[in-house]
């Protein structure tokens, strides 16, 4: 019952590996011990059958990396 956002840029334009959740009333930043590397332009979708958010791909401008990895958010950690 939450919207999940991952990544973003700080005030200097650097990619971050932030995880945020919106519960319909307020944003809460989450701090899981395991999380994907910082990136932008990743794609995410909710897998209702398994109850996880799936993140794929993205890029990191700083080191010119193009990601082709897949991560899952279960509400408490990334795998």
PDB file of N, CA and C in Angstrom:
ATOM      1  N   UNK A   1       0.814  -1.200   0.000  1.00  0.00           N
ATOM      2  CA  UNK A   1       0.000   0.000   0.000  1.00  0.00           C
ATOM      3  C   UNK A   1       0.854   1.259   0.000  1.00  0.00           C
ATOM      4  N   UNK A   2       2.024   1.181  -0.670  1.00  0.00           N
ATOM      5  CA  UNK A   2       2.921   2.333  -0.719  1.00  0.00           C
ATOM      6  C   UNK A   2       3.502   2.484  -2.127  1.00  0.00           C
ATOM      7  N   UNK A   3       3.825   3.720  -2.446  1.00  0.00           N
ATOM      8  CA  UNK A   3       4.562   4.032  -3.663  1.00  0.00           C
ATOM      9  C   UNK A   3       6.039   4.033  -3.300  1.00  0.00           C
ATOM     10  N   UNK A   4       6.866   3.370  -4.098  1.00  0.00           N
ATOM     11  CA  UNK A   4       8.298   3.284  -3.810  1.00  0.00           C
ATOM     12  C   UNK A   4       9.080   4.020  -4.889  1.00  0.00           C
ATOM     13  N   UNK A   5      10.037   4.847  -4.450  1.00  0.00           N
ATOM     14  CA  UNK A   5      10.966   5.517  -5.357  1.00  0.00           C
ATOM     15  C   UNK A   5      12.381   5.110  -4.993  1.00  0.00           C
ATOM     16  N   UNK A   6      13.226   4.976  -6.004  1.00  0.00           N
ATOM     17  CA  UNK A   6      14.624   4.643  -5.761  1.00  0.00           C
ATOM     18  C   UNK A   6      15.502   5.556  -6.597  1.00  0.00           C
ATOM     19  N   UNK A   7      16.638   5.946  -6.019  1.00  0.00           N
ATOM     20  CA  UNK A   7      17.624   6.740  -6.744  1.00  0.00           C
ATOM     21  C   UNK A   7      17.379   8.220  -6.575  1.00  0.00           C
ATOM     22  N   UNK A   8      17.842   8.978  -7.532  1.00  0.00           N
ATOM     23  CA  UNK A   8      17.700  10.421  -7.489  1.00  0.00           C
ATOM     24  C   UNK A   8      19.056  11.100  -7.523  1.00  0.00           C
ATOM     25  N   UNK A   9      19.016  12.405  -7.465  1.00  0.00           N
ATOM     26  CA  UNK A   9      20.231  13.212  -7.494  1.00  0.00           C
ATOM     27  C   UNK A   9      20.239  14.153  -6.299  1.00  0.00           C
ATOM     28  N   UNK A  10      21.437  14.387  -5.739  1.00  0.00           N
ATOM     29  CA  UNK A  10      21.549  15.350  -4.650  1.00  0.00           C
ATOM     30  C   UNK A  10      21.661  16.759  -5.227  1.00  0.00           C
ATOM     31  N   UNK A  11      21.899  17.751  -4.386  1.00  0.00           N
ATOM     32  CA  UNK A  11      21.922  19.145  -4.848  1.00  0.00           C
ATOM     33  C   UNK A  11      23.101  19.455  -5.764  1.00  0.00           C
ATOM     34  N   UNK A  12      24.119  18.594  -5.786  1.00  0.00           N
ATOM     35  CA  UNK A  12      25.239  18.768  -6.714  1.00  0.00           C
ATOM     36  C   UNK A  12      25.072  17.939  -7.983  1.00  0.00           C
ATOM     37  N   UNK A  13      23.935  17.260  -8.130  1.00  0.00           N
ATOM     38  CA  UNK A  13      23.666  16.478  -9.334  1.00  0.00           C
ATOM     39  C   UNK A  13      24.233  15.074  -9.312  1.00  0.00           C
ATOM     40  N   UNK A  14      24.736  14.617  -8.176  1.00  0.00           N
ATOM     41  CA  UNK A  14      25.295  13.268  -8.083  1.00  0.00           C
ATOM     42  C   UNK A  14      24.178  12.254  -7.840  1.00  0.00           C
ATOM     43  N   UNK A  15      24.279  11.095  -8.521  1.00  0.00           N
ATOM     44  CA  UNK A  15      23.288  10.038  -8.319  1.00  0.00           C
ATOM     45  C   UNK A  15      23.369   9.512  -6.889  1.00  0.00           C
ATOM     46  N   UNK A  16      22.216   9.121  -6.361  1.00  0.00           N
ATOM     47  CA  UNK A  16      22.134   8.580  -5.007  1.00  0.00           C
ATOM     48  C   UNK A  16      21.422   7.231  -5.039  1.00  0.00           C
ATOM     49  N   UNK A  17      21.574   6.454  -3.980  1.00  0.00           N
ATOM     50  CA  UNK A  17      20.846   5.183  -3.884  1.00  0.00           C
ATOM     51  C   UNK A  17      19.830   5.265  -2.742  1.00  0.00           C
ATOM     52  N   UNK A  18      19.039   6.294  -2.789  1.00  0.00           N
ATOM     53  CA  UNK A  18      17.996   6.527  -1.805  1.00  0.00           C
ATOM     54  C   UNK A  18      16.778   5.647  -2.077  1.00  0.00           C
ATOM     55  N   UNK A  19      16.126   5.201  -1.028  1.00  0.00           N
ATOM     56  CA  UNK A  19      14.846   4.506  -1.128  1.00  0.00           C
ATOM     57  C   UNK A  19      13.832   5.323  -0.340  1.00  0.00           C
ATOM     58  N   UNK A  20      12.742   5.702  -0.999  1.00  0.00           N
ATOM     59  CA  UNK A  20      11.668   6.483  -0.381  1.00  0.00           C
ATOM     60  C   UNK A  20      10.344   5.762  -0.563  1.00  0.00           C
ATOM     61  N   UNK A  21       9.459   5.913   0.415  1.00  0.00           N
ATOM     62  CA  UNK A  21       8.106   5.365   0.317  1.00  0.00           C
ATOM     63  C   UNK A  21       7.088   6.460   0.627  1.00  0.00           C
ATOM     64  N   UNK A  22       6.003   6.453  -0.136  1.00  0.00           N
ATOM     65  CA  UNK A  22       4.877   7.382   0.046  1.00  0.00           C
ATOM     66  C   UNK A  22       3.675   6.559   0.478  1.00  0.00           C
ATOM     67  N   UNK A  23       3.091   6.899   1.626  1.00  0.00           N
ATOM     68  CA  UNK A  23       1.954   6.130   2.143  1.00  0.00           C
ATOM     69  C   UNK A  23       0.615   6.801   1.870  1.00  0.00           C
ATOM     70  N   UNK A  24       0.622   7.820   1.030  1.00  0.00           N
ATOM     71  CA  UNK A  24      -0.597   8.558   0.722  1.00  0.00           C
ATOM     72  C   UNK A  24      -0.726   9.830   1.534  1.00  0.00           C
ATOM     73  N   UNK A  25       0.119   9.976   2.548  1.00  0.00           N
ATOM     74  CA  UNK A  25       0.071  11.157   3.392  1.00  0.00           C
ATOM     75  C   UNK A  25       1.416  11.810   3.610  1.00  0.00           C
ATOM     76  N   UNK A  26       2.473  10.980   3.615  1.00  0.00           N
ATOM     77  CA  UNK A  26       3.809  11.535   3.820  1.00  0.00           C
ATOM     78  C   UNK A  26       4.880  10.637   3.214  1.00  0.00           C
ATOM     79  N   UNK A  27       6.033  11.233   2.899  1.00  0.00           N
ATOM     80  CA  UNK A  27       7.190  10.504   2.410  1.00  0.00           C
ATOM     81  C   UNK A  27       8.020  10.055   3.593  1.00  0.00           C
ATOM     82  N   UNK A  28       8.602   8.855   3.482  1.00  0.00           N
ATOM     83  CA  UNK A  28       9.520   8.351   4.491  1.00  0.00           C
ATOM     84  C   UNK A  28      10.728   7.767   3.788  1.00  0.00           C
ATOM     85  N   UNK A  29      11.913   8.250   4.146  1.00  0.00           N
ATOM     86  CA  UNK A  29      13.119   7.666   3.579  1.00  0.00           C
ATOM     87  C   UNK A  29      13.444   6.395   4.337  1.00  0.00           C
ATOM     88  N   UNK A  30      13.758   5.354   3.590  1.00  0.00           N
ATOM     89  CA  UNK A  30      14.129   4.061   4.180  1.00  0.00           C
ATOM     90  C   UNK A  30      15.647   3.910   4.078  1.00  0.00           C
ATOM     91  N   UNK A  31      16.234   3.167   5.006  1.00  0.00           N
ATOM     92  CA  UNK A  31      17.685   2.997   5.051  1.00  0.00           C
ATOM     93  C   UNK A  31      18.061   1.513   5.143  1.00  0.00           C
ATOM     94  N   UNK A  32      17.767   0.731   4.094  1.00  0.00           N
ATOM     95  CA  UNK A  32      18.112  -0.695   4.144  1.00  0.00           C
ATOM     96  C   UNK A  32      19.628  -0.892   4.086  1.00  0.00           C
ATOM     97  N   UNK A  33      20.104  -1.951   4.732  1.00  0.00           N
ATOM     98  CA  UNK A  33      21.538  -2.246   4.710  1.00  0.00           C
ATOM     99  C   UNK A  33      22.008  -2.663   3.326  1.00  0.00           C
ATOM    100  N   UNK A  34      21.151  -3.383   2.600  1.00  0.00           N
ATOM    101  CA  UNK A  34      21.462  -3.824   1.240  1.00  0.00           C
ATOM    102  C   UNK A  34      20.646  -2.978   0.279  1.00  0.00           C
ATOM    103  N   UNK A  35      21.292  -2.434  -0.738  1.00  0.00           N
ATOM    104  CA  UNK A  35      20.585  -1.626  -1.734  1.00  0.00           C
ATOM    105  C   UNK A  35      21.392  -1.555  -3.024  1.00  0.00           C
ATOM    106  N   UNK A  36      20.730  -1.284  -4.145  1.00  0.00           N
ATOM    107  CA  UNK A  36      21.431  -1.188  -5.425  1.00  0.00           C
ATOM    108  C   UNK A  36      22.397  -0.003  -5.437  1.00  0.00           C
ATOM    109  N   UNK A  37      23.377  -0.043  -6.338  1.00  0.00           N
ATOM    110  CA  UNK A  37      24.254   1.117  -6.501  1.00  0.00           C
ATOM    111  C   UNK A  37      23.441   2.332  -6.968  1.00  0.00           C
ATOM    112  N   UNK A  38      23.956   3.519  -6.676  1.00  0.00           N
ATOM    113  CA  UNK A  38      23.303   4.752  -7.106  1.00  0.00           C
ATOM    114  C   UNK A  38      23.139   4.764  -8.622  1.00  0.00           C
ATOM    115  N   UNK A  39      21.996   5.327  -9.078  1.00  0.00           N
ATOM    116  CA  UNK A  39      21.708   5.360 -10.512  1.00  0.00           C
ATOM    117  C   UNK A  39      20.565   6.311 -10.807  1.00  0.00           C
ATOM    118  N   UNK A  40      20.367   6.570 -12.070  1.00  0.00           N
ATOM    119  CA  UNK A  40      19.208   7.307 -12.544  1.00  0.00           C
ATOM    120  C   UNK A  40      18.663   6.584 -13.767  1.00  0.00           C
ATOM    121  N   UNK A  41      17.464   6.926 -14.171  1.00  0.00           N
ATOM    122  CA  UNK A  41      16.787   6.336 -15.336  1.00  0.00           C
ATOM    123  C   UNK A  41      16.543   4.831 -15.226  1.00  0.00           C
ATOM    124  N   UNK A  42      16.472   4.312 -14.020  1.00  0.00           N
ATOM    125  CA  UNK A  42      16.084   2.909 -13.847  1.00  0.00           C
ATOM    126  C   UNK A  42      14.577   2.797 -14.048  1.00  0.00           C
ATOM    127  N   UNK A  43      14.099   1.606 -14.249  1.00  0.00           N
ATOM    128  CA  UNK A  43      12.664   1.341 -14.395  1.00  0.00           C
ATOM    129  C   UNK A  43      12.212   0.457 -13.247  1.00  0.00           C
ATOM    130  N   UNK A  44      10.997   0.734 -12.747  1.00  0.00           N
ATOM    131  CA  UNK A  44      10.458  -0.052 -11.649  1.00  0.00           C
ATOM    132  C   UNK A  44       9.012  -0.413 -11.934  1.00  0.00           C
ATOM    133  N   UNK A  45       8.618  -1.590 -11.433  1.00  0.00           N
ATOM    134  CA  UNK A  45       7.245  -2.069 -11.588  1.00  0.00           C
ATOM    135  C   UNK A  45       6.899  -2.910 -10.366  1.00  0.00           C
ATOM    136  N   UNK A  46       5.617  -2.939 -10.024  1.00  0.00           N
ATOM    137  CA  UNK A  46       5.173  -3.755  -8.897  1.00  0.00           C
ATOM    138  C   UNK A  46       4.732  -5.115  -9.402  1.00  0.00           C
ATOM    139  N   UNK A  47       5.272  -6.178  -8.813  1.00  0.00           N
ATOM    140  CA  UNK A  47       4.885  -7.546  -9.132  1.00  0.00           C
ATOM    141  C   UNK A  47       3.869  -7.985  -8.076  1.00  0.00           C
ATOM    142  N   UNK A  48       2.594  -7.869  -8.395  1.00  0.00           N
ATOM    143  CA  UNK A  48       1.522  -8.161  -7.443  1.00  0.00           C
ATOM    144  C   UNK A  48       1.480  -9.640  -7.053  1.00  0.00           C
ATOM    145  N   UNK A  49       1.865 -10.518  -7.961  1.00  0.00           N
ATOM    146  CA  UNK A  49       1.831 -11.949  -7.666  1.00  0.00           C
ATOM    147  C   UNK A  49       2.812 -12.320  -6.551  1.00  0.00           C
ATOM    148  N   UNK A  50       3.940 -11.620  -6.493  1.00  0.00           N
ATOM    149  CA  UNK A  50       4.951 -11.910  -5.484  1.00  0.00           C
ATOM    150  C   UNK A  50       5.039 -10.842  -4.401  1.00  0.00           C
ATOM    151  N   UNK A  51       4.353  -9.720  -4.576  1.00  0.00           N
ATOM    152  CA  UNK A  51       4.341  -8.663  -3.578  1.00  0.00           C
ATOM    153  C   UNK A  51       5.657  -7.931  -3.432  1.00  0.00           C
ATOM    154  N   UNK A  52       6.375  -7.744  -4.551  1.00  0.00           N
ATOM    155  CA  UNK A  52       7.657  -7.035  -4.530  1.00  0.00           C
ATOM    156  C   UNK A  52       7.692  -5.975  -5.624  1.00  0.00           C
ATOM    157  N   UNK A  53       8.525  -4.966  -5.428  1.00  0.00           N
ATOM    158  CA  UNK A  53       8.804  -3.975  -6.459  1.00  0.00           C
ATOM    159  C   UNK A  53      10.078  -4.420  -7.169  1.00  0.00           C
ATOM    160  N   UNK A  54      10.054  -4.431  -8.487  1.00  0.00           N
ATOM    161  CA  UNK A  54      11.201  -4.865  -9.280  1.00  0.00           C
ATOM    162  C   UNK A  54      11.825  -3.647  -9.952  1.00  0.00           C
ATOM    163  N   UNK A  55      13.137  -3.506  -9.778  1.00  0.00           N
ATOM    164  CA  UNK A  55      13.903  -2.415 -10.390  1.00  0.00           C
ATOM    165  C   UNK A  55      14.835  -3.018 -11.432  1.00  0.00           C
ATOM    166  N   UNK A  56      14.931  -2.383 -12.602  1.00  0.00           N
ATOM    167  CA  UNK A  56      15.833  -2.866 -13.646  1.00  0.00           C
ATOM    168  C   UNK A  56      16.592  -1.703 -14.259  1.00  0.00           C
ATOM    169  N   UNK A  57      17.896  -1.939 -14.491  1.00  0.00           N
ATOM    170  CA  UNK A  57      18.716  -1.046 -15.292  1.00  0.00           C
ATOM    171  C   UNK A  57      18.989   0.306 -14.681  1.00  0.00           C
ATOM    172  N   UNK A  58      19.253   1.256 -15.579  1.00  0.00           N
ATOM    173  CA  UNK A  58      19.616   2.601 -15.185  1.00  0.00           C
ATOM    174  C   UNK A  58      21.040   2.907 -15.591  1.00  0.00           C
ATOM    175  N   UNK A  59      21.519   4.044 -15.134  1.00  0.00           N
ATOM    176  CA  UNK A  59      22.865   4.479 -15.487  1.00  0.00           C
ATOM    177  C   UNK A  59      23.447   5.308 -14.356  1.00  0.00           C
ATOM    178  N   UNK A  60      24.777   5.397 -14.352  1.00  0.00           N
ATOM    179  CA  UNK A  60      25.487   6.251 -13.406  1.00  0.00           C
ATOM    180  C   UNK A  60      26.378   7.175 -14.215  1.00  0.00           C
ATOM    181  N   UNK A  61      26.098   8.450 -14.170  1.00  0.00           N
ATOM    182  CA  UNK A  61      26.826   9.424 -14.966  1.00  0.00           C
ATOM    183  C   UNK A  61      28.281   9.556 -14.535  1.00  0.00           C
ATOM    184  N   UNK A  62      28.523   9.509 -13.223  1.00  0.00           N
ATOM    185  CA  UNK A  62      29.869   9.723 -12.695  1.00  0.00           C
ATOM    186  C   UNK A  62      30.890   8.757 -13.286  1.00  0.00           C
ATOM    187  N   UNK A  63      30.576   7.468 -13.323  1.00  0.00           N
ATOM    188  CA  UNK A  63      31.531   6.486 -13.845  1.00  0.00           C
ATOM    189  C   UNK A  63      31.099   5.876 -15.179  1.00  0.00           C
ATOM    190  N   UNK A  64      30.134   6.490 -15.831  1.00  0.00           N
ATOM    191  CA  UNK A  64      29.689   6.076 -17.174  1.00  0.00           C
ATOM    192  C   UNK A  64      29.201   4.636 -17.228  1.00  0.00           C
ATOM    193  N   UNK A  65      28.621   4.132 -16.151  1.00  0.00           N
ATOM    194  CA  UNK A  65      28.116   2.760 -16.101  1.00  0.00           C
ATOM    195  C   UNK A  65      26.686   2.721 -16.605  1.00  0.00           C
ATOM    196  N   UNK A  66      26.369   1.716 -17.417  1.00  0.00           N
ATOM    197  CA  UNK A  66      25.000   1.419 -17.825  1.00  0.00           C
ATOM    198  C   UNK A  66      24.645   0.093 -17.167  1.00  0.00           C
ATOM    199  N   UNK A  67      23.675   0.123 -16.262  1.00  0.00           N
ATOM    200  CA  UNK A  67      23.311  -1.082 -15.517  1.00  0.00           C
ATOM    201  C   UNK A  67      22.311  -1.932 -16.291  1.00  0.00           C
ATOM    202  N   UNK A  68      22.478  -3.246 -16.196  1.00  0.00           N
ATOM    203  CA  UNK A  68      21.525  -4.206 -16.755  1.00  0.00           C
ATOM    204  C   UNK A  68      21.190  -5.230 -15.672  1.00  0.00           C
ATOM    205  N   UNK A  69      21.119  -4.744 -14.426  1.00  0.00           N
ATOM    206  CA  UNK A  69      20.852  -5.635 -13.301  1.00  0.00           C
ATOM    207  C   UNK A  69      19.396  -5.521 -12.849  1.00  0.00           C
ATOM    208  N   UNK A  70      18.962  -6.493 -12.069  1.00  0.00           N
ATOM    209  CA  UNK A  70      17.591  -6.532 -11.554  1.00  0.00           C
ATOM    210  C   UNK A  70      17.635  -6.645 -10.043  1.00  0.00           C
ATOM    211  N   UNK A  71      16.838  -5.813  -9.372  1.00  0.00           N
ATOM    212  CA  UNK A  71      16.739  -5.802  -7.917  1.00  0.00           C
ATOM    213  C   UNK A  71      15.280  -5.898  -7.516  1.00  0.00           C
ATOM    214  N   UNK A  72      15.032  -6.416  -6.303  1.00  0.00           N
ATOM    215  CA  UNK A  72      13.668  -6.480  -5.775  1.00  0.00           C
ATOM    216  C   UNK A  72      13.614  -5.834  -4.391  1.00  0.00           C
ATOM    217  N   UNK A  73      12.563  -5.051  -4.156  1.00  0.00           N
ATOM    218  CA  UNK A  73      12.308  -4.416  -2.866  1.00  0.00           C
ATOM    219  C   UNK A  73      11.103  -5.107  -2.245  1.00  0.00           C
ATOM    220  N   UNK A  74      11.278  -5.688  -1.052  1.00  0.00           N
ATOM    221  CA  UNK A  74      10.185  -6.412  -0.400  1.00  0.00           C
ATOM    222  C   UNK A  74       9.534  -5.608   0.721  1.00  0.00           C
ATOM    223  N   UNK A  75       9.896  -4.338   0.833  1.00  0.00           N
ATOM    224  CA  UNK A  75       9.339  -3.488   1.874  1.00  0.00           C
ATOM    225  C   UNK A  75      10.305  -3.241   3.017  1.00  0.00           C
ATOM    226  N   UNK A  76      11.402  -4.022   3.043  1.00  0.00           N
ATOM    227  CA  UNK A  76      12.399  -3.796   4.092  1.00  0.00           C
ATOM    228  C   UNK A  76      13.836  -3.871   3.593  1.00  0.00           C
ATOM    229  N   UNK A  77      14.076  -4.583   2.487  1.00  0.00           N
ATOM    230  CA  UNK A  77      15.425  -4.672   1.951  1.00  0.00           C
ATOM    231  C   UNK A  77      15.400  -4.896   0.446  1.00  0.00           C
ATOM    232  N   UNK A  78      16.516  -4.629  -0.188  1.00  0.00           N
ATOM    233  CA  UNK A  78      16.722  -4.907  -1.611  1.00  0.00           C
ATOM    234  C   UNK A  78      17.498  -6.202  -1.764  1.00  0.00           C
ATOM    235  N   UNK A  79      17.115  -7.004  -2.740  1.00  0.00           N
ATOM    236  CA  UNK A  79      17.875  -8.220  -3.082  1.00  0.00           C
ATOM    237  C   UNK A  79      18.053  -8.274  -4.568  1.00  0.00           C
TER     238      UNK A  79
END
